[in-house]
Amino acid sequence: MDTENIILQFEQYLRHRFAERRTPVDYVSDVRQFRSVCQKPWREISMQDIDAFVEQQRASGLKSATVRRRVAALKTFFDLLAEESDDLSWPNPVRFKRHAGKAEQHLPRDLCDDNLERVWQEIRCTRDRAWLALITGGVTGWRSGDIDSERHAQPTVS
């Protein structure tokens, strides 16, 4: 079976599996991206070929989420090839942990001062006010009376 027919079969499989999602479009595009840089017969593709593709993708400045999706697409593609060939001993050259890398962990965004003030005004419990003061880093200039005051003002930060 030629490459185009294999990719079309993959697309049909994905459309059946992910009927209401964008996954088929993205995964097929990802397999085509891989194919544009690796022309070897499918059975001859090795982990090193996947390594080279992943490195090329990272070097081109793609976000890690995009590279991870492309690796997931290739893993799914090679799983399907093995199933369709009736040769389940055919090893998948994609090793997700090796090729995808770790997912980026984003730091939480800061609350703007207005939103922080609104949160502060809603907190009535002294313990919770102390926690918010610690979390927001406002402990350097506050006094215990700032947290438990009747006016519920936010502690001053120096």
N, C-alpha and C. Protein backbone atom coordinates (compact mmCIF):
# COMPACT_ATOMS: atom_id res chain seq x y z
N MET A 1 0.85 -1.19 0.00
CA MET A 1 0.00 0.00 0.00
C MET A 1 0.89 1.24 0.00
N ASP A 2 0.59 2.18 -0.85
CA ASP A 2 1.43 3.36 -0.95
C ASP A 2 1.16 4.33 0.21
N THR A 3 2.07 5.26 0.37
CA THR A 3 2.01 6.20 1.49
C THR A 3 0.70 6.98 1.54
N GLU A 4 0.25 7.46 0.41
CA GLU A 4 -0.97 8.27 0.41
C GLU A 4 -2.17 7.46 0.88
N ASN A 5 -2.28 6.22 0.42
CA ASN A 5 -3.39 5.37 0.86
C ASN A 5 -3.29 5.03 2.35
N ILE A 6 -2.09 4.83 2.83
CA ILE A 6 -1.89 4.55 4.26
C ILE A 6 -2.33 5.76 5.09
N ILE A 7 -1.96 6.95 4.65
CA ILE A 7 -2.34 8.16 5.38
C ILE A 7 -3.85 8.37 5.31
N LEU A 8 -4.47 8.10 4.17
CA LEU A 8 -5.93 8.21 4.06
C LEU A 8 -6.63 7.21 4.98
N GLN A 9 -6.09 6.02 5.08
CA GLN A 9 -6.65 5.01 5.97
C GLN A 9 -6.52 5.49 7.43
N PHE A 10 -5.39 6.08 7.74
CA PHE A 10 -5.18 6.65 9.09
C PHE A 10 -6.21 7.74 9.37
N GLU A 11 -6.44 8.59 8.39
CA GLU A 11 -7.42 9.66 8.56
C GLU A 11 -8.82 9.09 8.80
N GLN A 12 -9.20 8.08 8.06
CA GLN A 12 -10.52 7.45 8.26
C GLN A 12 -10.63 6.86 9.66
N TYR A 13 -9.57 6.21 10.11
CA TYR A 13 -9.54 5.64 11.46
C TYR A 13 -9.74 6.74 12.50
N LEU A 14 -9.04 7.86 12.33
CA LEU A 14 -9.13 8.97 13.28
C LEU A 14 -10.51 9.62 13.26
N ARG A 15 -11.07 9.77 12.06
CA ARG A 15 -12.42 10.37 11.96
C ARG A 15 -13.47 9.50 12.65
N HIS A 16 -13.28 8.22 12.60
CA HIS A 16 -14.19 7.31 13.30
C HIS A 16 -13.98 7.41 14.81
N ARG A 17 -12.73 7.46 15.22
CA ARG A 17 -12.39 7.49 16.65
C ARG A 17 -12.65 8.84 17.31
N PHE A 18 -12.40 9.92 16.59
CA PHE A 18 -12.54 11.28 17.12
C PHE A 18 -13.49 12.08 16.24
N ALA A 19 -14.70 11.65 16.13
CA ALA A 19 -15.65 12.21 15.17
C ALA A 19 -15.88 13.71 15.32
N GLU A 20 -15.97 14.19 16.50
CA GLU A 20 -16.33 15.60 16.72
C GLU A 20 -15.14 16.48 17.07
N ARG A 21 -13.95 15.97 16.89
CA ARG A 21 -12.78 16.75 17.29
C ARG A 21 -11.89 17.09 16.10
N ARG A 22 -10.93 17.91 16.37
CA ARG A 22 -9.99 18.36 15.34
C ARG A 22 -8.80 17.40 15.19
N THR A 23 -8.73 16.41 16.03
CA THR A 23 -7.61 15.48 16.06
C THR A 23 -7.26 14.90 14.69
N PRO A 24 -8.23 14.42 13.89
CA PRO A 24 -7.85 13.85 12.59
C PRO A 24 -7.07 14.83 11.70
N VAL A 25 -7.50 16.05 11.67
CA VAL A 25 -6.83 17.05 10.83
C VAL A 25 -5.39 17.27 11.30
N ASP A 26 -5.24 17.45 12.61
CA ASP A 26 -3.90 17.71 13.17
C ASP A 26 -2.98 16.50 13.03
N TYR A 27 -3.48 15.32 13.37
CA TYR A 27 -2.64 14.13 13.32
C TYR A 27 -2.20 13.80 11.90
N VAL A 28 -3.10 13.93 10.94
CA VAL A 28 -2.73 13.67 9.55
C VAL A 28 -1.68 14.68 9.09
N SER A 29 -1.86 15.92 9.46
CA SER A 29 -0.86 16.94 9.13
C SER A 29 0.49 16.60 9.76
N ASP A 30 0.46 16.12 10.99
CA ASP A 30 1.70 15.77 11.69
C ASP A 30 2.42 14.61 11.00
N VAL A 31 1.67 13.62 10.56
CA VAL A 31 2.28 12.47 9.86
C VAL A 31 2.86 12.94 8.53
N ARG A 32 2.16 13.83 7.85
CA ARG A 32 2.68 14.37 6.58
C ARG A 32 3.97 15.18 6.82
N GLN A 33 4.00 15.93 7.93
CA GLN A 33 5.23 16.67 8.28
C GLN A 33 6.39 15.70 8.45
N PHE A 34 6.14 14.63 9.17
CA PHE A 34 7.19 13.63 9.38
C PHE A 34 7.63 13.04 8.04
N ARG A 35 6.65 12.70 7.21
CA ARG A 35 6.96 12.08 5.93
C ARG A 35 7.77 13.00 5.03
N SER A 36 7.57 14.31 5.18
CA SER A 36 8.32 15.24 4.34
C SER A 36 9.81 15.26 4.68
N VAL A 37 10.17 14.81 5.87
CA VAL A 37 11.59 14.80 6.25
C VAL A 37 12.18 13.40 6.33
N CYS A 38 11.31 12.38 6.32
CA CYS A 38 11.80 10.99 6.38
C CYS A 38 11.08 10.17 5.33
N GLN A 39 11.82 9.82 4.28
CA GLN A 39 11.23 9.11 3.13
C GLN A 39 11.44 7.59 3.19
N LYS A 40 11.99 7.08 4.27
CA LYS A 40 12.24 5.65 4.38
C LYS A 40 10.93 4.86 4.30
N PRO A 41 11.00 3.60 3.88
CA PRO A 41 9.81 2.75 3.99
C PRO A 41 9.38 2.68 5.47
N TRP A 42 8.08 2.61 5.69
CA TRP A 42 7.55 2.68 7.06
C TRP A 42 8.19 1.66 7.98
N ARG A 43 8.38 0.45 7.52
CA ARG A 43 8.95 -0.62 8.36
C ARG A 43 10.41 -0.38 8.73
N GLU A 44 11.09 0.48 8.01
CA GLU A 44 12.51 0.73 8.27
C GLU A 44 12.75 1.94 9.17
N ILE A 45 11.71 2.62 9.55
CA ILE A 45 11.87 3.81 10.40
C ILE A 45 12.23 3.38 11.81
N SER A 46 13.27 4.01 12.33
CA SER A 46 13.80 3.63 13.65
C SER A 46 13.57 4.74 14.68
N MET A 47 13.89 4.40 15.92
CA MET A 47 13.82 5.42 16.98
C MET A 47 14.72 6.60 16.66
N GLN A 48 15.83 6.33 16.03
CA GLN A 48 16.76 7.42 15.68
C GLN A 48 16.14 8.36 14.64
N ASP A 49 15.34 7.83 13.74
CA ASP A 49 14.64 8.68 12.78
C ASP A 49 13.64 9.58 13.51
N ILE A 50 12.95 9.02 14.47
CA ILE A 50 12.01 9.81 15.27
C ILE A 50 12.78 10.84 16.08
N ASP A 51 13.92 10.44 16.66
CA ASP A 51 14.78 11.38 17.39
C ASP A 51 15.14 12.58 16.52
N ALA A 52 15.58 12.29 15.29
CA ALA A 52 16.00 13.35 14.38
C ALA A 52 14.83 14.28 14.06
N PHE A 53 13.66 13.71 13.83
CA PHE A 53 12.47 14.53 13.55
C PHE A 53 12.13 15.43 14.74
N VAL A 54 12.13 14.86 15.92
CA VAL A 54 11.80 15.63 17.12
C VAL A 54 12.81 16.76 17.32
N GLU A 55 14.07 16.46 17.15
CA GLU A 55 15.10 17.50 17.30
C GLU A 55 14.92 18.61 16.27
N GLN A 56 14.59 18.23 15.04
CA GLN A 56 14.36 19.22 13.98
C GLN A 56 13.16 20.10 14.33
N GLN A 57 12.11 19.49 14.88
CA GLN A 57 10.91 20.24 15.26
C GLN A 57 11.22 21.22 16.39
N ARG A 58 11.96 20.77 17.38
CA ARG A 58 12.34 21.65 18.50
C ARG A 58 13.25 22.78 18.01
N ALA A 59 14.19 22.44 17.13
CA ALA A 59 15.12 23.45 16.62
C ALA A 59 14.41 24.51 15.79
N SER A 60 13.28 24.14 15.21
CA SER A 60 12.54 25.12 14.41
C SER A 60 11.73 26.08 15.28
N GLY A 61 11.77 25.88 16.59
CA GLY A 61 11.12 26.80 17.51
C GLY A 61 9.68 26.47 17.86
N LEU A 62 9.24 25.26 17.52
CA LEU A 62 7.86 24.88 17.86
C LEU A 62 7.70 24.76 19.37
N LYS A 63 6.50 25.06 19.83
CA LYS A 63 6.20 24.91 21.25
C LYS A 63 6.22 23.43 21.61
N SER A 64 6.53 23.16 22.87
CA SER A 64 6.63 21.77 23.30
C SER A 64 5.29 21.05 23.15
N ALA A 65 4.18 21.75 23.31
CA ALA A 65 2.87 21.12 23.15
C ALA A 65 2.67 20.62 21.72
N THR A 66 3.15 21.36 20.75
CA THR A 66 3.03 20.95 19.35
C THR A 66 3.90 19.73 19.08
N VAL A 67 5.12 19.74 19.61
CA VAL A 67 6.02 18.59 19.42
C VAL A 67 5.41 17.35 20.08
N ARG A 68 4.86 17.51 21.27
CA ARG A 68 4.22 16.38 21.97
C ARG A 68 3.04 15.84 21.16
N ARG A 69 2.25 16.73 20.58
CA ARG A 69 1.12 16.26 19.76
C ARG A 69 1.63 15.51 18.54
N ARG A 70 2.69 15.99 17.92
CA ARG A 70 3.24 15.31 16.74
C ARG A 70 3.77 13.93 17.11
N VAL A 71 4.40 13.82 18.26
CA VAL A 71 4.87 12.52 18.72
C VAL A 71 3.68 11.59 18.98
N ALA A 72 2.63 12.11 19.59
CA ALA A 72 1.42 11.30 19.84
C ALA A 72 0.81 10.84 18.52
N ALA A 73 0.79 11.72 17.53
CA ALA A 73 0.24 11.36 16.22
C ALA A 73 1.06 10.23 15.60
N LEU A 74 2.38 10.34 15.66
CA LEU A 74 3.23 9.29 15.09
C LEU A 74 3.08 7.97 15.83
N LYS A 75 2.97 8.04 17.14
CA LYS A 75 2.77 6.80 17.92
C LYS A 75 1.47 6.13 17.51
N THR A 76 0.41 6.89 17.40
CA THR A 76 -0.89 6.35 16.99
C THR A 76 -0.80 5.78 15.57
N PHE A 77 -0.12 6.50 14.70
CA PHE A 77 0.03 6.07 13.31
C PHE A 77 0.75 4.73 13.22
N PHE A 78 1.88 4.60 13.92
CA PHE A 78 2.64 3.36 13.86
C PHE A 78 1.91 2.21 14.56
N ASP A 79 1.13 2.51 15.60
CA ASP A 79 0.29 1.47 16.21
C ASP A 79 -0.71 0.94 15.19
N LEU A 80 -1.33 1.84 14.45
CA LEU A 80 -2.30 1.43 13.44
C LEU A 80 -1.63 0.62 12.32
N LEU A 81 -0.44 1.05 11.90
CA LEU A 81 0.28 0.29 10.86
C LEU A 81 0.54 -1.15 11.31
N ALA A 82 0.94 -1.32 12.55
CA ALA A 82 1.21 -2.67 13.07
C ALA A 82 -0.08 -3.49 13.10
N GLU A 83 -1.16 -2.89 13.56
CA GLU A 83 -2.45 -3.59 13.61
C GLU A 83 -2.91 -4.00 12.20
N GLU A 84 -2.82 -3.06 11.27
CA GLU A 84 -3.30 -3.32 9.91
C GLU A 84 -2.42 -4.32 9.15
N SER A 85 -1.17 -4.43 9.55
CA SER A 85 -0.28 -5.37 8.86
C SER A 85 -0.42 -6.79 9.40
N ASP A 86 -1.22 -6.93 10.45
CA ASP A 86 -1.37 -8.23 11.13
C ASP A 86 -0.04 -8.75 11.67
N ASP A 87 0.86 -7.82 11.93
CA ASP A 87 2.15 -8.18 12.51
C ASP A 87 2.34 -7.34 13.78
N LEU A 88 1.75 -7.81 14.86
CA LEU A 88 1.83 -7.05 16.11
C LEU A 88 3.22 -7.09 16.73
N SER A 89 4.12 -7.87 16.16
CA SER A 89 5.50 -7.86 16.65
C SER A 89 6.30 -6.70 16.03
N TRP A 90 5.69 -6.02 15.08
CA TRP A 90 6.33 -4.87 14.45
C TRP A 90 6.51 -3.79 15.51
N PRO A 91 7.73 -3.47 15.87
CA PRO A 91 7.94 -2.51 16.96
C PRO A 91 7.63 -1.07 16.53
N ASN A 92 6.96 -0.38 17.42
CA ASN A 92 6.66 1.03 17.18
C ASN A 92 7.94 1.82 17.46
N PRO A 93 8.43 2.61 16.51
CA PRO A 93 9.68 3.36 16.73
C PRO A 93 9.52 4.56 17.67
N VAL A 94 8.28 4.87 18.02
CA VAL A 94 8.03 6.03 18.88
C VAL A 94 7.99 5.57 20.33
N ARG A 95 8.79 6.22 21.14
CA ARG A 95 8.77 6.01 22.59
C ARG A 95 8.35 7.34 23.20
N PHE A 96 7.11 7.39 23.66
CA PHE A 96 6.53 8.68 24.04
C PHE A 96 7.38 9.40 25.08
N LYS A 97 7.81 8.71 26.13
CA LYS A 97 8.60 9.38 27.17
C LYS A 97 9.91 9.92 26.62
N ARG A 98 10.50 9.18 25.74
CA ARG A 98 11.78 9.59 25.14
C ARG A 98 11.61 10.75 24.17
N HIS A 99 10.60 10.67 23.32
CA HIS A 99 10.46 11.64 22.24
C HIS A 99 9.65 12.88 22.58
N ALA A 100 8.65 12.73 23.41
CA ALA A 100 7.77 13.88 23.68
C ALA A 100 8.38 14.85 24.68
N GLY A 101 9.21 14.36 25.56
CA GLY A 101 9.76 15.24 26.59
C GLY A 101 8.70 15.59 27.62
N LYS A 102 9.09 16.38 28.56
CA LYS A 102 8.16 16.78 29.61
C LYS A 102 7.27 17.91 29.13
N ALA A 103 6.06 17.88 29.63
CA ALA A 103 5.12 18.96 29.32
C ALA A 103 5.57 20.23 30.05
N GLU A 104 5.40 21.35 29.37
CA GLU A 104 5.72 22.62 30.02
C GLU A 104 4.79 22.84 31.18
N GLN A 105 5.33 23.39 32.25
CA GLN A 105 4.50 23.75 33.38
C GLN A 105 4.52 25.27 33.49
N HIS A 106 3.38 25.84 33.33
CA HIS A 106 3.28 27.29 33.36
C HIS A 106 3.08 27.77 34.78
N LEU A 107 3.72 28.86 35.11
CA LEU A 107 3.50 29.47 36.41
C LEU A 107 2.14 30.13 36.42
N PRO A 108 1.51 30.15 37.58
CA PRO A 108 0.21 30.82 37.63
C PRO A 108 0.37 32.30 37.35
N ARG A 109 -0.66 32.87 36.76
CA ARG A 109 -0.64 34.31 36.48
C ARG A 109 -0.93 35.09 37.74
N ASP A 110 -0.39 36.29 37.80
CA ASP A 110 -0.67 37.17 38.93
C ASP A 110 -2.08 37.72 38.80
N LEU A 111 -2.68 37.92 39.95
CA LEU A 111 -3.96 38.64 39.96
C LEU A 111 -3.64 40.13 39.87
N CYS A 112 -4.45 40.85 39.14
CA CYS A 112 -4.25 42.29 39.13
C CYS A 112 -4.67 42.82 40.51
N ASP A 113 -4.21 44.01 40.84
CA ASP A 113 -4.46 44.57 42.16
C ASP A 113 -5.95 44.69 42.47
N ASP A 114 -6.75 45.06 41.48
CA ASP A 114 -8.20 45.19 41.72
C ASP A 114 -8.83 43.85 42.10
N ASN A 115 -8.46 42.79 41.38
CA ASN A 115 -9.00 41.47 41.69
C ASN A 115 -8.51 40.97 43.04
N LEU A 116 -7.25 41.21 43.34
CA LEU A 116 -6.71 40.82 44.63
C LEU A 116 -7.44 41.55 45.75
N GLU A 117 -7.71 42.81 45.56
CA GLU A 117 -8.45 43.59 46.57
C GLU A 117 -9.85 43.02 46.77
N ARG A 118 -10.52 42.63 45.67
CA ARG A 118 -11.87 42.04 45.78
C ARG A 118 -11.83 40.73 46.55
N VAL A 119 -10.82 39.90 46.27
CA VAL A 119 -10.69 38.64 47.02
C VAL A 119 -10.47 38.95 48.50
N TRP A 120 -9.59 39.89 48.78
CA TRP A 120 -9.28 40.26 50.17
C TRP A 120 -10.54 40.73 50.90
N GLN A 121 -11.37 41.50 50.23
CA GLN A 121 -12.59 42.02 50.86
C GLN A 121 -13.59 40.90 51.19
N GLU A 122 -13.55 39.81 50.43
CA GLU A 122 -14.49 38.71 50.65
C GLU A 122 -14.06 37.77 51.78
N ILE A 123 -12.80 37.79 52.13
CA ILE A 123 -12.30 36.87 53.15
C ILE A 123 -12.59 37.43 54.54
N ARG A 124 -13.27 36.64 55.35
CA ARG A 124 -13.64 37.07 56.71
C ARG A 124 -12.83 36.35 57.78
N CYS A 125 -12.36 35.18 57.48
CA CYS A 125 -11.64 34.35 58.46
C CYS A 125 -10.19 34.83 58.60
N THR A 126 -9.76 35.02 59.83
CA THR A 126 -8.39 35.50 60.09
C THR A 126 -7.36 34.54 59.52
N ARG A 127 -7.59 33.25 59.69
CA ARG A 127 -6.64 32.28 59.18
C ARG A 127 -6.51 32.39 57.65
N ASP A 128 -7.65 32.52 56.96
CA ASP A 128 -7.63 32.63 55.50
C ASP A 128 -6.97 33.92 55.04
N ARG A 129 -7.16 35.00 55.80
CA ARG A 129 -6.48 36.26 55.46
C ARG A 129 -4.98 36.10 55.61
N ALA A 130 -4.56 35.39 56.65
CA ALA A 130 -3.12 35.15 56.86
C ALA A 130 -2.55 34.34 55.69
N TRP A 131 -3.28 33.31 55.27
CA TRP A 131 -2.83 32.52 54.13
C TRP A 131 -2.73 33.35 52.86
N LEU A 132 -3.72 34.17 52.60
CA LEU A 132 -3.68 35.00 51.40
C LEU A 132 -2.49 35.97 51.46
N ALA A 133 -2.25 36.52 52.64
CA ALA A 133 -1.11 37.43 52.79
C ALA A 133 0.20 36.69 52.52
N LEU A 134 0.31 35.47 53.00
CA LEU A 134 1.52 34.68 52.74
C LEU A 134 1.66 34.32 51.27
N ILE A 135 0.57 33.90 50.67
CA ILE A 135 0.59 33.48 49.26
C ILE A 135 0.94 34.64 48.34
N THR A 136 0.40 35.80 48.62
CA THR A 136 0.63 36.93 47.72
C THR A 136 1.94 37.65 48.03
N GLY A 137 2.67 37.16 49.01
CA GLY A 137 3.97 37.74 49.30
C GLY A 137 3.90 39.03 50.08
N GLY A 138 2.80 39.29 50.70
CA GLY A 138 2.64 40.55 51.42
C GLY A 138 2.97 40.46 52.88
N VAL A 139 3.92 39.64 53.23
CA VAL A 139 4.21 39.45 54.65
C VAL A 139 5.31 40.37 55.18
N THR A 140 5.99 41.06 54.34
CA THR A 140 7.13 41.83 54.81
C THR A 140 6.75 43.06 55.61
N GLY A 141 5.60 43.64 55.31
CA GLY A 141 5.26 44.86 56.03
C GLY A 141 3.97 44.80 56.81
N TRP A 142 3.44 43.64 57.09
CA TRP A 142 2.16 43.58 57.76
C TRP A 142 2.32 43.32 59.25
N ARG A 143 1.30 43.74 59.97
CA ARG A 143 1.22 43.50 61.41
C ARG A 143 0.01 42.62 61.66
N SER A 144 -0.02 41.93 62.76
CA SER A 144 -1.14 41.03 63.04
C SER A 144 -2.47 41.77 63.02
N GLY A 145 -2.48 43.03 63.41
CA GLY A 145 -3.71 43.81 63.39
C GLY A 145 -4.21 44.07 61.98
N ASP A 146 -3.32 44.03 60.99
CA ASP A 146 -3.75 44.24 59.61
C ASP A 146 -4.65 43.12 59.11
N ILE A 147 -4.40 41.92 59.57
CA ILE A 147 -5.17 40.76 59.12
C ILE A 147 -6.53 40.71 59.80
N ASP A 148 -6.58 41.05 61.08
CA ASP A 148 -7.80 40.89 61.86
C ASP A 148 -8.48 42.22 62.14
N SER A 149 -8.32 43.15 61.26
CA SER A 149 -8.93 44.45 61.51
C SER A 149 -10.37 44.48 61.04
N GLU A 150 -11.16 45.32 61.62
CA GLU A 150 -12.57 45.47 61.25
C GLU A 150 -12.72 46.10 59.87
N ARG A 151 -11.78 46.90 59.46
CA ARG A 151 -11.91 47.59 58.18
C ARG A 151 -11.53 46.68 57.01
N HIS A 152 -10.99 45.50 57.30
CA HIS A 152 -10.64 44.50 56.27
C HIS A 152 -9.75 45.06 55.17
N ALA A 153 -8.81 45.86 55.54
CA ALA A 153 -7.89 46.40 54.54
C ALA A 153 -6.82 45.37 54.25
N GLN A 154 -6.29 45.43 53.06
CA GLN A 154 -5.21 44.55 52.68
C GLN A 154 -3.94 45.01 53.40
N PRO A 155 -3.11 44.08 53.89
CA PRO A 155 -1.88 44.49 54.56
C PRO A 155 -0.99 45.30 53.61
N THR A 156 -0.28 46.22 54.17
CA THR A 156 0.61 47.04 53.35
C THR A 156 1.88 46.25 53.06
N VAL A 157 2.36 46.38 51.87
CA VAL A 157 3.58 45.69 51.46
C VAL A 157 4.66 46.72 51.30
N SER A 158 5.80 46.44 51.90
CA SER A 158 6.90 47.41 51.77
C SER A 158 7.92 46.96 50.79
